């Protein structure tokens, strides 16, 4: 149950950050972002048409790093995912997010 909850929270925060980046890009470069990305339809179907204010983005990236750590902690309970091939990319992602959020 923990892995499902951790993955859901991680995906939800990732979607929020994605929408925030896209909205920021549209605001900065409206002429270059007129073409919609295929995932925009999926995001709007899930009610994710707004992101967070740009001032809150560093905090959201920090929370996303925490969510990645929590997800990694949950998958270590499964022997199939204990391999370094699974853990290393998640740890790298978490470290990158922590650096970018500061």
C-alpha atoms as a PDB file:
ATOM      1  CA  UNK A   1       0.000   0.000   0.000  1.00  0.00           C
ATOM      2  CA  UNK A   2       2.881   2.369   0.761  1.00  0.00           C
ATOM      3  CA  UNK A   3       4.353   2.110  -2.716  1.00  0.00           C
ATOM      4  CA  UNK A   4       1.008   2.980  -4.305  1.00  0.00           C
ATOM      5  CA  UNK A   5       0.596   6.024  -2.114  1.00  0.00           C
ATOM      6  CA  UNK A   6       4.188   7.155  -2.661  1.00  0.00           C
ATOM      7  CA  UNK A   7       3.952   6.747  -6.438  1.00  0.00           C
ATOM      8  CA  UNK A   8       0.615   8.587  -6.569  1.00  0.00           C
ATOM      9  CA  UNK A   9       1.950  11.540  -4.577  1.00  0.00           C
ATOM     10  CA  UNK A  10       5.159  11.605  -6.640  1.00  0.00           C
ATOM     11  CA  UNK A  11       3.237  11.580  -9.939  1.00  0.00           C
ATOM     12  CA  UNK A  12       0.798  14.233  -8.742  1.00  0.00           C
ATOM     13  CA  UNK A  13       3.574  16.627  -7.712  1.00  0.00           C
ATOM     14  CA  UNK A  14       5.462  15.893 -10.943  1.00  0.00           C
ATOM     15  CA  UNK A  15       2.362  16.838 -12.949  1.00  0.00           C
ATOM     16  CA  UNK A  16       2.001  20.082 -10.988  1.00  0.00           C
ATOM     17  CA  UNK A  17       5.617  21.020 -11.666  1.00  0.00           C
ATOM     18  CA  UNK A  18       5.239  20.105 -15.346  1.00  0.00           C
ATOM     19  CA  UNK A  19       2.178  22.325 -15.738  1.00  0.00           C
ATOM     20  CA  UNK A  20       3.975  25.151 -13.914  1.00  0.00           C
ATOM     21  CA  UNK A  21       6.956  24.926 -16.271  1.00  0.00           C
ATOM     22  CA  UNK A  22       4.696  24.863 -19.332  1.00  0.00           C
ATOM     23  CA  UNK A  23       2.651  27.844 -18.166  1.00  0.00           C
ATOM     24  CA  UNK A  24       5.831  29.766 -17.408  1.00  0.00           C
ATOM     25  CA  UNK A  25       7.185  28.958 -20.882  1.00  0.00           C
ATOM     26  CA  UNK A  26       3.921  30.116 -22.463  1.00  0.00           C
ATOM     27  CA  UNK A  27       4.095  33.380 -20.532  1.00  0.00           C
ATOM     28  CA  UNK A  28       7.702  34.001 -21.541  1.00  0.00           C
ATOM     29  CA  UNK A  29       7.461  32.861 -25.168  1.00  0.00           C
ATOM     30  CA  UNK A  30       3.834  32.864 -26.371  1.00  0.00           C
ATOM     31  CA  UNK A  31       4.884  32.718 -30.031  1.00  0.00           C
ATOM     32  CA  UNK A  32       6.949  29.552 -29.518  1.00  0.00           C
ATOM     33  CA  UNK A  33       4.431  27.640 -27.419  1.00  0.00           C
ATOM     34  CA  UNK A  34       1.379  27.820 -29.653  1.00  0.00           C
ATOM     35  CA  UNK A  35       1.662  24.106 -30.488  1.00  0.00           C
ATOM     36  CA  UNK A  36       0.109  21.983 -27.764  1.00  0.00           C
ATOM     37  CA  UNK A  37       1.912  18.981 -26.391  1.00  0.00           C
ATOM     38  CA  UNK A  38      -0.015  15.652 -26.535  1.00  0.00           C
ATOM     39  CA  UNK A  39       0.172  15.296 -22.763  1.00  0.00           C
ATOM     40  CA  UNK A  40      -1.674  18.606 -22.329  1.00  0.00           C
ATOM     41  CA  UNK A  41      -4.918  16.793 -23.139  1.00  0.00           C
ATOM     42  CA  UNK A  42      -4.194  14.171 -20.476  1.00  0.00           C
ATOM     43  CA  UNK A  43      -3.286  16.807 -17.916  1.00  0.00           C
ATOM     44  CA  UNK A  44      -6.472  18.757 -18.552  1.00  0.00           C
ATOM     45  CA  UNK A  45      -8.535  15.556 -18.291  1.00  0.00           C
ATOM     46  CA  UNK A  46      -7.133  15.153 -14.783  1.00  0.00           C
ATOM     47  CA  UNK A  47      -8.052  18.730 -13.911  1.00  0.00           C
ATOM     48  CA  UNK A  48      -4.468  19.977 -14.033  1.00  0.00           C
ATOM     49  CA  UNK A  49      -4.790  23.138 -16.066  1.00  0.00           C
ATOM     50  CA  UNK A  50      -3.067  25.402 -13.560  1.00  0.00           C
ATOM     51  CA  UNK A  51       0.302  25.201 -11.887  1.00  0.00           C
ATOM     52  CA  UNK A  52       1.788  26.908  -8.890  1.00  0.00           C
ATOM     53  CA  UNK A  53       3.031  30.497  -8.895  1.00  0.00           C
ATOM     54  CA  UNK A  54       6.613  30.750 -10.098  1.00  0.00           C
ATOM     55  CA  UNK A  55       7.676  31.965  -6.648  1.00  0.00           C
ATOM     56  CA  UNK A  56       6.622  28.620  -5.185  1.00  0.00           C
ATOM     57  CA  UNK A  57       8.490  26.540  -7.746  1.00  0.00           C
ATOM     58  CA  UNK A  58      11.683  26.093  -5.657  1.00  0.00           C
ATOM     59  CA  UNK A  59       9.571  24.786  -2.784  1.00  0.00           C
ATOM     60  CA  UNK A  60       7.712  22.446  -5.147  1.00  0.00           C
ATOM     61  CA  UNK A  61      11.029  21.119  -6.490  1.00  0.00           C
ATOM     62  CA  UNK A  62      12.198  20.498  -2.928  1.00  0.00           C
ATOM     63  CA  UNK A  63       8.945  18.678  -2.151  1.00  0.00           C
ATOM     64  CA  UNK A  64       9.348  16.674  -5.366  1.00  0.00           C
ATOM     65  CA  UNK A  65      12.832  15.634  -4.178  1.00  0.00           C
ATOM     66  CA  UNK A  66      11.291  14.509  -0.878  1.00  0.00           C
ATOM     67  CA  UNK A  67       8.619  12.589  -2.768  1.00  0.00           C
ATOM     68  CA  UNK A  68      11.337  10.873  -4.834  1.00  0.00           C
ATOM     69  CA  UNK A  69      13.126   9.875  -1.612  1.00  0.00           C
ATOM     70  CA  UNK A  70       9.904   8.520  -0.159  1.00  0.00           C
ATOM     71  CA  UNK A  71       9.208   6.560  -3.351  1.00  0.00           C
ATOM     72  CA  UNK A  72      12.730   5.124  -3.264  1.00  0.00           C
ATOM     73  CA  UNK A  73      12.255   4.130   0.372  1.00  0.00           C
ATOM     74  CA  UNK A  74       9.019   2.333  -0.490  1.00  0.00           C
ATOM     75  CA  UNK A  75      10.429   0.370  -3.429  1.00  0.00           C
ATOM     76  CA  UNK A  76      13.303  -0.967  -1.332  1.00  0.00           C
ATOM     77  CA  UNK A  77      10.745  -3.214   0.369  1.00  0.00           C
ATOM     78  CA  UNK A  78      10.540  -5.185  -2.886  1.00  0.00           C
ATOM     79  CA  UNK A  79      13.560  -7.331  -3.697  1.00  0.00           C
ATOM     80  CA  UNK A  80      13.059  -6.832  -7.444  1.00  0.00           C
ATOM     81  CA  UNK A  81      13.807  -3.104  -7.079  1.00  0.00           C
ATOM     82  CA  UNK A  82      16.775  -3.220  -4.721  1.00  0.00           C
ATOM     83  CA  UNK A  83      19.224  -3.296  -7.630  1.00  0.00           C
ATOM     84  CA  UNK A  84      21.457  -0.289  -8.221  1.00  0.00           C
ATOM     85  CA  UNK A  85      20.074   0.054 -11.753  1.00  0.00           C
ATOM     86  CA  UNK A  86      16.775   1.174 -10.214  1.00  0.00           C
ATOM     87  CA  UNK A  87      18.056   3.128  -7.234  1.00  0.00           C
ATOM     88  CA  UNK A  88      20.789   5.191  -8.908  1.00  0.00           C
ATOM     89  CA  UNK A  89      18.549   7.120 -11.351  1.00  0.00           C
ATOM     90  CA  UNK A  90      16.088   7.963  -8.583  1.00  0.00           C
ATOM     91  CA  UNK A  91      18.872   9.128  -6.286  1.00  0.00           C
ATOM     92  CA  UNK A  92      20.338  11.196  -9.132  1.00  0.00           C
ATOM     93  CA  UNK A  93      16.958  12.759  -9.845  1.00  0.00           C
ATOM     94  CA  UNK A  94      16.478  13.569  -6.170  1.00  0.00           C
ATOM     95  CA  UNK A  95      19.934  15.157  -5.924  1.00  0.00           C
ATOM     96  CA  UNK A  96      19.339  17.264  -9.044  1.00  0.00           C
ATOM     97  CA  UNK A  97      16.005  18.470  -7.688  1.00  0.00           C
ATOM     98  CA  UNK A  98      17.551  19.411  -4.351  1.00  0.00           C
ATOM     99  CA  UNK A  99      20.274  21.424  -6.094  1.00  0.00           C
ATOM    100  CA  UNK A 100      17.801  23.200  -8.371  1.00  0.00           C
ATOM    101  CA  UNK A 101      15.442  24.013  -5.520  1.00  0.00           C
ATOM    102  CA  UNK A 102      18.103  25.884  -3.556  1.00  0.00           C
END
